[in-house]
Amino acid sequence: MQPKVKWSTKMSYSSVATFHTCAQGAAGGEILSPPAATRIEISSVFQRFAEAEVLCGIDLEVTQRRVAVVGANGSGKSTFARLLNGLVLPSAGTVRIDGLCTARDTKAVRRKVGFVFQNPDTQIVFPTVEEDVAFGLKGLKLSAPERAARVEAVLDHYGLGALRGQSAHKLSGGQKQLLAIAGVLITKPDCVIFDEPTTLLDLRNARKVAQAIAELPQTAVVVTHDLGLVAAFDRVLVFDKGRVVADDVPNRALDAYVRRMQ
């Protein structure tokens, strides 16, 4: 039986001058506070693909700002992540994000929840760095100065300002992952899902991505095999064969996961 955990929703952020604030200031608008932690409610969720049952009766309520999802390959963790912004809809049960049902309110959920894929090449669709980041603003009713301010702020924040005119597909692996993160964050979602964001990166670039995640004011849910990346998170969910088999603070949950892998 898992020990009962008193979850803390408090978290301090050392990097309050994020691009969110910079963009608002540059556009002459109001300086915004970090968004409240996103409430994720998973109720009796099953997920089937053809004859395979990938998730089996998931019931969770998540209100922490930093949540990790770990597990062996094929454990269901990436499918779980895709449920959180409506990329996958449950075969049975409900997923709600701040009260919005992913099956019924899919568009609103996707505006609220951004998704960063493991391979950034799947997210980069435009020729240049600047064009690719700006694409995320296409559906927003922003003036030209507001769009320009957001693009400039996010590129500068992630060290991509000097590369704005370069081919996006010729960036290094680490630069591509930061570009993918910037392309999601420019829309200012309340929550960001990361699916194995450091798997394809060397140590230097993995550390850059880890820093980018750590300084986010938004809720972040991170699927990963990199246990060090999530050692200071608020909560860790361990998946195995489509079920949550551990749900605890990092030291206890990660210890349980490592024991299962032995």
C-alpha atoms as a PDB file:
ATOM      1  CA  MET A   1       0.000   0.000   0.000  1.00  0.00           C
ATOM      2  CA  GLN A   2       1.310   3.429  -0.917  1.00  0.00           C
ATOM      3  CA  PRO A   3       1.825   5.842   2.007  1.00  0.00           C
ATOM      4  CA  LYS A   4      -0.587   8.730   2.110  1.00  0.00           C
ATOM      5  CA  VAL A   5       1.188  11.830   0.869  1.00  0.00           C
ATOM      6  CA  LYS A   6       0.314  15.389   1.758  1.00  0.00           C
ATOM      7  CA  TRP A   7       0.929  17.147  -1.520  1.00  0.00           C
ATOM      8  CA  SER A   8       2.267  20.674  -1.576  1.00  0.00           C
ATOM      9  CA  THR A   9       1.174  23.018  -4.342  1.00  0.00           C
ATOM     10  CA  LYS A  10       3.632  25.730  -3.353  1.00  0.00           C
ATOM     11  CA  MET A  11       6.666  26.376  -5.505  1.00  0.00           C
ATOM     12  CA  SER A  12       9.069  29.281  -5.768  1.00  0.00           C
ATOM     13  CA  TYR A  13      10.301  30.558  -9.113  1.00  0.00           C
ATOM     14  CA  SER A  14      13.657  32.268  -9.337  1.00  0.00           C
ATOM     15  CA  SER A  15      13.182  33.305 -12.951  1.00  0.00           C
ATOM     16  CA  VAL A  16      10.158  35.570 -12.717  1.00  0.00           C
ATOM     17  CA  ALA A  17      11.330  37.673 -15.675  1.00  0.00           C
ATOM     18  CA  THR A  18      10.260  35.032 -18.177  1.00  0.00           C
ATOM     19  CA  PHE A  19       9.303  35.789 -21.735  1.00  0.00           C
ATOM     20  CA  HIS A  20       5.645  35.949 -20.623  1.00  0.00           C
ATOM     21  CA  THR A  21       6.388  39.042 -18.600  1.00  0.00           C
ATOM     22  CA  CYS A  22       8.809  40.409 -21.192  1.00  0.00           C
ATOM     23  CA  ALA A  23       6.302  40.075 -23.987  1.00  0.00           C
ATOM     24  CA  GLN A  24       3.539  41.750 -22.007  1.00  0.00           C
ATOM     25  CA  GLY A  25       5.849  44.607 -21.072  1.00  0.00           C
ATOM     26  CA  ALA A  26       7.158  44.998 -24.605  1.00  0.00           C
ATOM     27  CA  ALA A  27       3.626  45.186 -25.909  1.00  0.00           C
ATOM     28  CA  GLY A  28       2.763  47.811 -23.330  1.00  0.00           C
ATOM     29  CA  GLY A  29       0.301  45.571 -21.518  1.00  0.00           C
ATOM     30  CA  GLU A  30      -0.223  44.527 -17.948  1.00  0.00           C
ATOM     31  CA  ILE A  31       2.458  42.431 -16.256  1.00  0.00           C
ATOM     32  CA  LEU A  32       0.893  39.051 -15.471  1.00  0.00           C
ATOM     33  CA  SER A  33       1.437  36.802 -12.463  1.00  0.00           C
ATOM     34  CA  PRO A  34       2.236  33.114 -13.009  1.00  0.00           C
ATOM     35  CA  PRO A  35      -0.917  31.095 -13.784  1.00  0.00           C
ATOM     36  CA  ALA A  36      -2.486  29.048 -11.037  1.00  0.00           C
ATOM     37  CA  ALA A  37      -1.546  25.379 -10.982  1.00  0.00           C
ATOM     38  CA  THR A  38      -3.630  23.391 -13.444  1.00  0.00           C
ATOM     39  CA  ARG A  39      -6.115  20.888 -12.013  1.00  0.00           C
ATOM     40  CA  ILE A  40      -6.042  17.566 -13.862  1.00  0.00           C
ATOM     41  CA  GLU A  41      -8.811  15.060 -13.075  1.00  0.00           C
ATOM     42  CA  ILE A  42      -8.663  11.533 -14.485  1.00  0.00           C
ATOM     43  CA  SER A  43     -11.732   9.424 -13.740  1.00  0.00           C
ATOM     44  CA  SER A  44     -11.975   5.674 -14.474  1.00  0.00           C
ATOM     45  CA  VAL A  45      -9.976   6.002 -17.698  1.00  0.00           C
ATOM     46  CA  PHE A  46      -9.342   3.028 -19.952  1.00  0.00           C
ATOM     47  CA  GLN A  47      -7.523   3.279 -23.264  1.00  0.00           C
ATOM     48  CA  ARG A  48      -7.658   0.594 -25.923  1.00  0.00           C
ATOM     49  CA  PHE A  49      -6.039   0.430 -29.341  1.00  0.00           C
ATOM     50  CA  ALA A  50      -7.567  -2.421 -31.341  1.00  0.00           C
ATOM     51  CA  GLU A  51      -7.299  -5.434 -29.016  1.00  0.00           C
ATOM     52  CA  ALA A  52      -4.599  -3.929 -26.783  1.00  0.00           C
ATOM     53  CA  GLU A  53      -5.580  -2.333 -23.476  1.00  0.00           C
ATOM     54  CA  VAL A  54      -2.967   0.357 -22.898  1.00  0.00           C
ATOM     55  CA  LEU A  55      -4.406   2.059 -19.805  1.00  0.00           C
ATOM     56  CA  CYS A  56      -6.476   0.216 -17.218  1.00  0.00           C
ATOM     57  CA  GLY A  57      -8.733   2.156 -14.856  1.00  0.00           C
ATOM     58  CA  ILE A  58      -6.705   5.294 -14.133  1.00  0.00           C
ATOM     59  CA  ASP A  59      -8.074   7.528 -11.355  1.00  0.00           C
ATOM     60  CA  LEU A  60      -5.996  10.576 -10.452  1.00  0.00           C
ATOM     61  CA  GLU A  61      -6.312  14.167  -9.335  1.00  0.00           C
ATOM     62  CA  VAL A  62      -3.240  16.299 -10.005  1.00  0.00           C
ATOM     63  CA  THR A  63      -2.782  19.844  -8.727  1.00  0.00           C
ATOM     64  CA  GLN A  64       0.995  20.054  -8.336  1.00  0.00           C
ATOM     65  CA  ARG A  65       3.119  22.271 -10.595  1.00  0.00           C
ATOM     66  CA  ARG A  66       5.810  19.690 -11.316  1.00  0.00           C
ATOM     67  CA  VAL A  67       4.688  16.140 -12.021  1.00  0.00           C
ATOM     68  CA  ALA A  68       6.823  13.368 -13.493  1.00  0.00           C
ATOM     69  CA  VAL A  69       5.598  10.266 -15.281  1.00  0.00           C
ATOM     70  CA  VAL A  70       8.041   7.350 -15.411  1.00  0.00           C
ATOM     71  CA  GLY A  71       7.837   3.722 -16.442  1.00  0.00           C
ATOM     72  CA  ALA A  72       9.267   1.107 -18.754  1.00  0.00           C
ATOM     73  CA  ASN A  73       8.722   1.267 -22.507  1.00  0.00           C
ATOM     74  CA  GLY A  74       5.180   0.195 -23.272  1.00  0.00           C
ATOM     75  CA  SER A  75       3.906   0.960 -19.773  1.00  0.00           C
ATOM     76  CA  GLY A  76       1.311   3.472 -21.026  1.00  0.00           C
ATOM     77  CA  LYS A  77       2.991   6.676 -19.892  1.00  0.00           C
ATOM     78  CA  SER A  78       3.111   8.388 -23.326  1.00  0.00           C
ATOM     79  CA  THR A  79      -0.522   7.477 -24.007  1.00  0.00           C
ATOM     80  CA  PHE A  80      -1.395   8.953 -20.625  1.00  0.00           C
ATOM     81  CA  ALA A  81       0.429  12.163 -21.555  1.00  0.00           C
ATOM     82  CA  ARG A  82      -1.485  12.457 -24.831  1.00  0.00           C
ATOM     83  CA  LEU A  83      -4.772  12.186 -22.970  1.00  0.00           C
ATOM     84  CA  LEU A  84      -3.996  15.401 -21.109  1.00  0.00           C
ATOM     85  CA  ASN A  85      -4.450  17.726 -24.075  1.00  0.00           C
ATOM     86  CA  GLY A  86      -6.831  15.708 -26.194  1.00  0.00           C
ATOM     87  CA  LEU A  87      -4.314  14.246 -28.642  1.00  0.00           C
ATOM     88  CA  VAL A  88      -5.845  10.940 -27.559  1.00  0.00           C
ATOM     89  CA  LEU A  89      -9.392  10.632 -26.219  1.00  0.00           C
ATOM     90  CA  PRO A  90     -10.165   7.940 -23.648  1.00  0.00           C
ATOM     91  CA  SER A  91     -11.939   4.774 -24.723  1.00  0.00           C
ATOM     92  CA  ALA A  92     -13.820   4.978 -21.429  1.00  0.00           C
ATOM     93  CA  GLY A  93     -13.830   7.429 -18.534  1.00  0.00           C
ATOM     94  CA  THR A  94     -13.182  11.168 -18.497  1.00  0.00           C
ATOM     95  CA  VAL A  95     -10.228  13.533 -18.473  1.00  0.00           C
ATOM     96  CA  ARG A  96     -10.836  17.084 -17.256  1.00  0.00           C
ATOM     97  CA  ILE A  97      -8.416  19.998 -17.298  1.00  0.00           C
ATOM     98  CA  ASP A  98      -9.538  22.823 -15.015  1.00  0.00           C
ATOM     99  CA  GLY A  99     -13.058  21.474 -15.419  1.00  0.00           C
ATOM    100  CA  LEU A 100     -12.901  21.193 -19.219  1.00  0.00           C
ATOM    101  CA  CYS A 101     -13.600  17.735 -20.637  1.00  0.00           C
ATOM    102  CA  THR A 102     -11.038  16.728 -23.256  1.00  0.00           C
ATOM    103  CA  ALA A 103     -13.666  14.856 -25.285  1.00  0.00           C
ATOM    104  CA  ARG A 104     -16.231  17.673 -25.266  1.00  0.00           C
ATOM    105  CA  ASP A 105     -14.069  20.803 -24.987  1.00  0.00           C
ATOM    106  CA  THR A 106     -11.093  19.651 -27.055  1.00  0.00           C
ATOM    107  CA  LYS A 107     -10.227  23.008 -28.637  1.00  0.00           C
ATOM    108  CA  ALA A 108     -10.348  24.845 -25.325  1.00  0.00           C
ATOM    109  CA  VAL A 109      -8.214  22.148 -23.679  1.00  0.00           C
ATOM    110  CA  ARG A 110      -5.568  22.385 -26.411  1.00  0.00           C
ATOM    111  CA  ARG A 111      -5.389  26.152 -25.938  1.00  0.00           C
ATOM    112  CA  LYS A 112      -4.828  25.572 -22.246  1.00  0.00           C
ATOM    113  CA  VAL A 113      -2.407  22.621 -22.490  1.00  0.00           C
ATOM    114  CA  GLY A 114       0.685  22.678 -24.715  1.00  0.00           C
ATOM    115  CA  PHE A 115       2.505  19.525 -25.820  1.00  0.00           C
ATOM    116  CA  VAL A 116       6.241  19.155 -26.558  1.00  0.00           C
ATOM    117  CA  PHE A 117       7.092  15.941 -28.413  1.00  0.00           C
ATOM    118  CA  GLN A 118      10.179  13.815 -27.935  1.00  0.00           C
ATOM    119  CA  ASN A 119      11.416  14.501 -31.464  1.00  0.00           C
ATOM    120  CA  PRO A 120      11.316  18.250 -32.215  1.00  0.00           C
ATOM    121  CA  ASP A 121      11.358  17.588 -35.973  1.00  0.00           C
ATOM    122  CA  THR A 122       7.739  16.499 -35.666  1.00  0.00           C
ATOM    123  CA  GLN A 123       6.825  20.006 -34.452  1.00  0.00           C
ATOM    124  CA  ILE A 124       8.997  22.173 -36.707  1.00  0.00           C
ATOM    125  CA  VAL A 125       6.940  22.965 -39.808  1.00  0.00           C
ATOM    126  CA  PHE A 126       8.231  26.301 -41.159  1.00  0.00           C
ATOM    127  CA  PRO A 127      11.525  27.068 -42.914  1.00  0.00           C
ATOM    128  CA  THR A 128      13.028  29.617 -40.542  1.00  0.00           C
ATOM    129  CA  VAL A 129      13.282  29.835 -36.770  1.00  0.00           C
ATOM    130  CA  GLU A 130      11.259  33.039 -36.595  1.00  0.00           C
ATOM    131  CA  GLU A 131       8.488  31.768 -38.875  1.00  0.00           C
ATOM    132  CA  ASP A 132       8.157  28.534 -36.943  1.00  0.00           C
ATOM    133  CA  VAL A 133       7.739  30.269 -33.596  1.00  0.00           C
ATOM    134  CA  ALA A 134       5.340  32.866 -35.024  1.00  0.00           C
ATOM    135  CA  PHE A 135       3.081  30.125 -36.426  1.00  0.00           C
ATOM    136  CA  GLY A 136       1.714  29.420 -32.948  1.00  0.00           C
ATOM    137  CA  LEU A 137       0.197  32.909 -32.850  1.00  0.00           C
ATOM    138  CA  LYS A 138      -1.755  32.476 -36.079  1.00  0.00           C
ATOM    139  CA  GLY A 139      -5.121  31.891 -34.439  1.00  0.00           C
ATOM    140  CA  LEU A 140      -4.754  34.604 -31.802  1.00  0.00           C
ATOM    141  CA  LYS A 141      -6.188  38.079 -32.264  1.00  0.00           C
ATOM    142  CA  LEU A 142      -2.963  40.023 -31.779  1.00  0.00           C
ATOM    143  CA  SER A 143      -1.748  43.192 -33.431  1.00  0.00           C
ATOM    144  CA  ALA A 144       1.433  43.088 -35.509  1.00  0.00           C
ATOM    145  CA  PRO A 145       3.461  44.822 -32.740  1.00  0.00           C
ATOM    146  CA  GLU A 146       2.145  42.334 -30.169  1.00  0.00           C
ATOM    147  CA  ARG A 147       3.076  39.371 -32.362  1.00  0.00           C
ATOM    148  CA  ALA A 148       6.535  40.794 -33.018  1.00  0.00           C
ATOM    149  CA  ALA A 149       7.084  41.447 -29.297  1.00  0.00           C
ATOM    150  CA  ARG A 150       6.156  37.896 -28.351  1.00  0.00           C
ATOM    151  CA  VAL A 151       8.347  36.357 -31.038  1.00  0.00           C
ATOM    152  CA  GLU A 152      11.346  38.494 -30.140  1.00  0.00           C
ATOM    153  CA  ALA A 153      10.923  37.864 -26.414  1.00  0.00           C
ATOM    154  CA  VAL A 154      10.622  34.091 -26.646  1.00  0.00           C
ATOM    155  CA  LEU A 155      13.520  33.746 -29.082  1.00  0.00           C
ATOM    156  CA  ASP A 156      15.766  35.884 -26.898  1.00  0.00           C
ATOM    157  CA  HIS A 157      14.678  34.015 -23.771  1.00  0.00           C
ATOM    158  CA  TYR A 158      15.763  30.675 -25.212  1.00  0.00           C
ATOM    159  CA  GLY A 159      18.962  31.960 -26.800  1.00  0.00           C
ATOM    160  CA  LEU A 160      17.610  31.719 -30.342  1.00  0.00           C
ATOM    161  CA  GLY A 161      17.424  35.427 -31.185  1.00  0.00           C
ATOM    162  CA  ALA A 162      20.597  35.421 -33.280  1.00  0.00           C
ATOM    163  CA  LEU A 163      19.266  32.424 -35.225  1.00  0.00           C
ATOM    164  CA  ARG A 164      15.870  33.876 -36.101  1.00  0.00           C
ATOM    165  CA  GLY A 165      16.561  33.956 -39.865  1.00  0.00           C
ATOM    166  CA  GLN A 166      18.283  30.583 -40.053  1.00  0.00           C
ATOM    167  CA  SER A 167      16.814  27.316 -41.313  1.00  0.00           C
ATOM    168  CA  ALA A 168      14.982  25.650 -38.453  1.00  0.00           C
ATOM    169  CA  HIS A 169      15.840  22.159 -39.666  1.00  0.00           C
ATOM    170  CA  LYS A 170      19.588  22.906 -39.665  1.00  0.00           C
ATOM    171  CA  LEU A 171      19.725  23.700 -35.953  1.00  0.00           C
ATOM    172  CA  SER A 172      21.478  21.396 -33.516  1.00  0.00           C
ATOM    173  CA  GLY A 173      19.395  18.866 -31.620  1.00  0.00           C
ATOM    174  CA  GLY A 174      19.366  21.011 -28.501  1.00  0.00           C
ATOM    175  CA  GLN A 175      18.442  24.151 -30.417  1.00  0.00           C
ATOM    176  CA  LYS A 176      15.604  22.297 -32.126  1.00  0.00           C
ATOM    177  CA  GLN A 177      14.212  21.147 -28.789  1.00  0.00           C
ATOM    178  CA  LEU A 178      14.373  24.697 -27.417  1.00  0.00           C
ATOM    179  CA  LEU A 179      12.651  25.914 -30.591  1.00  0.00           C
ATOM    180  CA  ALA A 180       9.892  23.348 -30.086  1.00  0.00           C
ATOM    181  CA  ILE A 181       9.467  24.512 -26.486  1.00  0.00           C
ATOM    182  CA  ALA A 182       9.410  28.158 -27.604  1.00  0.00           C
ATOM    183  CA  GLY A 183       6.797  27.356 -30.259  1.00  0.00           C
ATOM    184  CA  VAL A 184       4.517  25.912 -27.586  1.00  0.00           C
ATOM    185  CA  LEU A 185       5.138  28.523 -24.909  1.00  0.00           C
ATOM    186  CA  ILE A 186       4.592  31.532 -27.159  1.00  0.00           C
ATOM    187  CA  THR A 187       0.857  30.804 -26.961  1.00  0.00           C
ATOM    188  CA  LYS A 188       1.052  31.055 -23.132  1.00  0.00           C
ATOM    189  CA  PRO A 189      -0.602  27.764 -22.154  1.00  0.00           C
ATOM    190  CA  ASP A 190      -1.403  27.153 -18.507  1.00  0.00           C
ATOM    191  CA  CYS A 191       0.139  23.677 -18.577  1.00  0.00           C
ATOM    192  CA  VAL A 192       2.853  22.047 -20.698  1.00  0.00           C
ATOM    193  CA  ILE A 193       3.267  18.308 -21.301  1.00  0.00           C
ATOM    194  CA  PHE A 194       6.782  17.124 -22.185  1.00  0.00           C
ATOM    195  CA  ASP A 195       7.164  13.665 -23.714  1.00  0.00           C
ATOM    196  CA  GLU A 196      10.746  12.517 -23.065  1.00  0.00           C
ATOM    197  CA  PRO A 197      12.245  15.951 -23.825  1.00  0.00           C
ATOM    198  CA  THR A 198      15.885  15.015 -23.175  1.00  0.00           C
ATOM    199  CA  THR A 199      16.031  11.517 -24.700  1.00  0.00           C
ATOM    200  CA  LEU A 200      17.685  12.585 -27.978  1.00  0.00           C
ATOM    201  CA  LEU A 201      20.051  15.146 -26.448  1.00  0.00           C
ATOM    202  CA  ASP A 202      23.636  15.155 -25.229  1.00  0.00           C
ATOM    203  CA  LEU A 203      24.396  16.163 -21.648  1.00  0.00           C
ATOM    204  CA  ARG A 204      24.924  19.878 -22.366  1.00  0.00           C
ATOM    205  CA  ASN A 205      21.660  20.267 -24.260  1.00  0.00           C
ATOM    206  CA  ALA A 206      19.756  18.058 -21.845  1.00  0.00           C
ATOM    207  CA  ARG A 207      20.794  20.454 -19.082  1.00  0.00           C
ATOM    208  CA  LYS A 208      19.543  23.422 -21.107  1.00  0.00           C
ATOM    209  CA  VAL A 209      16.161  21.782 -21.564  1.00  0.00           C
ATOM    210  CA  ALA A 210      16.053  20.840 -17.872  1.00  0.00           C
ATOM    211  CA  GLN A 211      16.699  24.479 -16.977  1.00  0.00           C
ATOM    212  CA  ALA A 212      13.966  25.609 -19.369  1.00  0.00           C
ATOM    213  CA  ILE A 213      11.490  23.283 -17.663  1.00  0.00           C
ATOM    214  CA  ALA A 214      12.611  24.258 -14.163  1.00  0.00           C
ATOM    215  CA  GLU A 215      12.027  27.966 -14.717  1.00  0.00           C
ATOM    216  CA  LEU A 216       8.557  27.668 -16.223  1.00  0.00           C
ATOM    217  CA  PRO A 217       5.817  29.419 -14.269  1.00  0.00           C
ATOM    218  CA  GLN A 218       3.272  26.981 -15.708  1.00  0.00           C
ATOM    219  CA  THR A 219       2.367  23.505 -14.572  1.00  0.00           C
ATOM    220  CA  ALA A 220       4.661  20.954 -16.227  1.00  0.00           C
ATOM    221  CA  VAL A 221       4.002  17.239 -16.635  1.00  0.00           C
ATOM    222  CA  VAL A 222       7.157  15.457 -17.793  1.00  0.00           C
ATOM    223  CA  VAL A 223       7.323  11.920 -19.185  1.00  0.00           C
ATOM    224  CA  THR A 224      10.912  10.752 -18.912  1.00  0.00           C
ATOM    225  CA  HIS A 225      13.475   8.008 -18.385  1.00  0.00           C
ATOM    226  CA  ASP A 226      15.875  10.615 -16.958  1.00  0.00           C
ATOM    227  CA  LEU A 227      15.340  10.204 -13.232  1.00  0.00           C
ATOM    228  CA  GLY A 228      17.717  13.011 -12.352  1.00  0.00           C
ATOM    229  CA  LEU A 229      15.602  15.446 -14.336  1.00  0.00           C
ATOM    230  CA  VAL A 230      12.630  14.928 -12.020  1.00  0.00           C
ATOM    231  CA  ALA A 231      14.324  14.296  -8.672  1.00  0.00           C
ATOM    232  CA  ALA A 232      13.193  17.674  -7.314  1.00  0.00           C
ATOM    233  CA  PHE A 233       9.641  17.532  -8.692  1.00  0.00           C
ATOM    234  CA  ASP A 234       6.567  17.692  -6.493  1.00  0.00           C
ATOM    235  CA  ARG A 235       5.124  14.312  -7.468  1.00  0.00           C
ATOM    236  CA  VAL A 236       6.059  11.220  -9.478  1.00  0.00           C
ATOM    237  CA  LEU A 237       3.657   8.738 -11.088  1.00  0.00           C
ATOM    238  CA  VAL A 238       5.079   5.314 -11.915  1.00  0.00           C
ATOM    239  CA  PHE A 239       3.320   3.369 -14.683  1.00  0.00           C
ATOM    240  CA  ASP A 240       3.530  -0.360 -15.307  1.00  0.00           C
ATOM    241  CA  LYS A 241       1.342  -2.381 -17.687  1.00  0.00           C
ATOM    242  CA  GLY A 242      -1.171   0.437 -18.030  1.00  0.00           C
ATOM    243  CA  ARG A 243      -1.615   1.092 -14.333  1.00  0.00           C
ATOM    244  CA  VAL A 244      -0.239   3.576 -11.816  1.00  0.00           C
ATOM    245  CA  VAL A 245       1.747   1.384  -9.451  1.00  0.00           C
ATOM    246  CA  ALA A 246       3.372   4.168  -7.413  1.00  0.00           C
ATOM    247  CA  ASP A 247       2.266   7.737  -6.766  1.00  0.00           C
ATOM    248  CA  ASP A 248       4.471   9.590  -4.325  1.00  0.00           C
ATOM    249  CA  VAL A 249       7.127  12.203  -3.726  1.00  0.00           C
ATOM    250  CA  PRO A 250      10.222  11.652  -5.913  1.00  0.00           C
ATOM    251  CA  ASN A 251      12.528   9.795  -3.535  1.00  0.00           C
ATOM    252  CA  ARG A 252       9.956   7.131  -2.656  1.00  0.00           C
ATOM    253  CA  ALA A 253       8.349   6.823  -6.096  1.00  0.00           C
ATOM    254  CA  LEU A 254      11.665   6.662  -7.951  1.00  0.00           C
ATOM    255  CA  ASP A 255      13.016   4.106  -5.493  1.00  0.00           C
ATOM    256  CA  ALA A 256       9.922   1.974  -6.152  1.00  0.00           C
ATOM    257  CA  TYR A 257      10.453   2.323  -9.899  1.00  0.00           C
ATOM    258  CA  VAL A 258      14.126   1.342  -9.736  1.00  0.00           C
ATOM    259  CA  ARG A 259      13.252  -1.735  -7.657  1.00  0.00           C
ATOM    260  CA  ARG A 260      10.754  -2.810 -10.322  1.00  0.00           C
ATOM    261  CA  MET A 261      13.398  -2.506 -13.010  1.00  0.00           C
ATOM    262  CA  GLN A 262      15.881  -4.791 -11.230  1.00  0.00           C
END
